[in-house]
Structure formats: structure tokens, C-alpha cells
């Protein structure tokens, strides 16, 4: 059974104006099975520990190269497009 990985670029945090740590690419494994509720606590979980693993790469080529070298099936999720809202301070008084 081959593991499936998702490669994506972390988007900017909406709560802060800075774009720190948004240039790296993240590789994480997708769960093989759906999570199940624990009968005792009711928390969702499973036995797949690979979903807890998250690797960071400086470029998309490095991330895809690692996945190909390890024989992982992967798909790249495109980064969301940045939408700039250009607005002048004077527009607040119109």
C-alpha cells in the first residue's frame, strides 16, 4: 500500500500582517482511513501515526523530489492567490 502525500505552501495568517514562514513548502500524509470516535472519551482519532508527520522544504522542487525518491504518491495543492486591496486613507471620508 502506497502512502499519499499532500504538498502545499502555507498561507499567510489572517490575524497578522506579516508573511513569515510562508515561503516554505509542507509535505504531509493524508489519512488512509477515516478517523473514528473513541468510545471512552468521544475524541476523534485513529491508529495512523503518519498523519502526525509534517515535513518542511525550502522549495517545491525539493518537496516533490523527496516524494519521488521515496516512492510516495503525491499531489500539489496550489497556494491561494494573494488579493491586494489597494485603498487610500482618504477613501474613509468619502
Protein backbone atom coordinates (compact mmCIF):
# COMPACT_ATOMS: atom_id res chain seq x y z
CA UNK A 1 0.00 0.00 0.00
CA UNK A 2 1.49 3.33 -1.05
CA UNK A 3 1.05 6.41 1.08
CA UNK A 4 -0.45 9.54 -0.42
CA UNK A 5 1.12 12.87 0.42
CA UNK A 6 -0.13 16.41 0.03
CA UNK A 7 2.37 19.19 -0.79
CA UNK A 8 1.26 22.74 -0.21
CA UNK A 9 2.54 26.19 0.64
CA UNK A 10 1.40 27.54 3.98
CA UNK A 11 -0.83 30.61 3.51
CA UNK A 12 -0.40 33.86 5.40
CA UNK A 13 -2.02 34.02 8.81
CA UNK A 14 -5.15 36.16 8.56
CA UNK A 15 -4.70 37.52 12.07
CA UNK A 16 -1.29 39.08 11.40
CA UNK A 17 0.07 41.31 8.66
CA UNK A 18 3.45 39.59 8.29
CA UNK A 19 4.22 36.81 5.85
CA UNK A 20 6.84 34.97 7.90
CA UNK A 21 7.22 31.25 7.20
CA UNK A 22 5.02 31.37 4.10
CA UNK A 23 7.81 30.65 1.61
CA UNK A 24 8.41 27.04 2.66
CA UNK A 25 6.54 24.05 1.26
CA UNK A 26 4.91 21.49 3.56
CA UNK A 27 4.60 17.76 2.86
CA UNK A 28 2.11 15.87 4.99
CA UNK A 29 0.50 12.47 4.62
CA UNK A 30 -3.20 12.04 4.04
CA UNK A 31 -5.06 9.63 6.32
CA UNK A 32 -5.59 6.16 4.90
CA UNK A 33 -8.81 5.67 6.87
CA UNK A 34 -11.39 7.99 8.33
CA UNK A 35 -10.92 8.89 11.99
CA UNK A 36 -13.22 7.20 14.46
CA UNK A 37 -14.66 8.44 17.73
CA UNK A 38 -13.08 6.92 20.82
CA UNK A 39 -15.79 5.09 22.81
CA UNK A 40 -14.46 6.30 26.17
CA UNK A 41 -13.71 9.97 25.54
CA UNK A 42 -15.54 10.65 22.28
CA UNK A 43 -12.45 12.26 20.75
CA UNK A 44 -11.76 11.61 17.08
CA UNK A 45 -8.61 9.66 16.40
CA UNK A 46 -7.05 6.70 14.72
CA UNK A 47 -4.01 4.47 14.60
CA UNK A 48 -2.34 6.18 11.62
CA UNK A 49 0.66 7.97 13.08
CA UNK A 50 1.92 9.07 9.65
CA UNK A 51 -0.72 11.81 9.62
CA UNK A 52 1.09 13.44 12.53
CA UNK A 53 4.23 13.87 10.46
CA UNK A 54 4.78 17.21 8.71
CA UNK A 55 7.97 17.97 6.79
CA UNK A 56 9.07 21.39 5.58
CA UNK A 57 11.08 22.03 2.40
CA UNK A 58 12.56 25.28 1.07
CA UNK A 59 11.26 24.79 -2.49
CA UNK A 60 8.55 22.89 -4.33
CA UNK A 61 11.20 21.02 -6.31
CA UNK A 62 12.81 19.76 -3.07
CA UNK A 63 9.45 18.53 -1.75
CA UNK A 64 8.45 16.77 -4.97
CA UNK A 65 11.97 15.33 -5.30
CA UNK A 66 11.71 13.82 -1.82
CA UNK A 67 8.30 12.33 -2.58
CA UNK A 68 9.51 10.81 -5.86
CA UNK A 69 12.70 9.49 -4.27
CA UNK A 70 10.71 7.78 -1.51
CA UNK A 71 8.11 6.39 -3.93
CA UNK A 72 5.20 8.37 -2.50
CA UNK A 73 2.09 9.22 -4.45
CA UNK A 74 1.56 12.96 -4.07
CA UNK A 75 -0.44 15.89 -5.31
CA UNK A 76 0.43 19.57 -5.11
CA UNK A 77 -2.16 21.98 -3.74
CA UNK A 78 -1.73 25.39 -5.32
CA UNK A 79 -1.16 28.31 -2.98
CA UNK A 80 -4.11 30.68 -2.71
CA UNK A 81 -3.73 33.80 -4.81
CA UNK A 82 -2.91 36.93 -2.86
CA UNK A 83 -5.61 39.56 -3.23
CA UNK A 84 -4.40 43.08 -2.59
CA UNK A 85 -6.97 45.60 -1.53
CA UNK A 86 -5.45 48.91 -2.53
CA UNK A 87 -7.15 51.63 -0.60
CA UNK A 88 -6.15 55.15 0.31
CA UNK A 89 -6.76 56.64 3.74
CA UNK A 90 -8.80 59.40 2.13
CA UNK A 91 -11.33 56.81 0.93
CA UNK A 92 -12.55 56.52 4.54
CA UNK A 93 -14.03 60.03 4.33
CA UNK A 94 -15.96 59.80 1.04
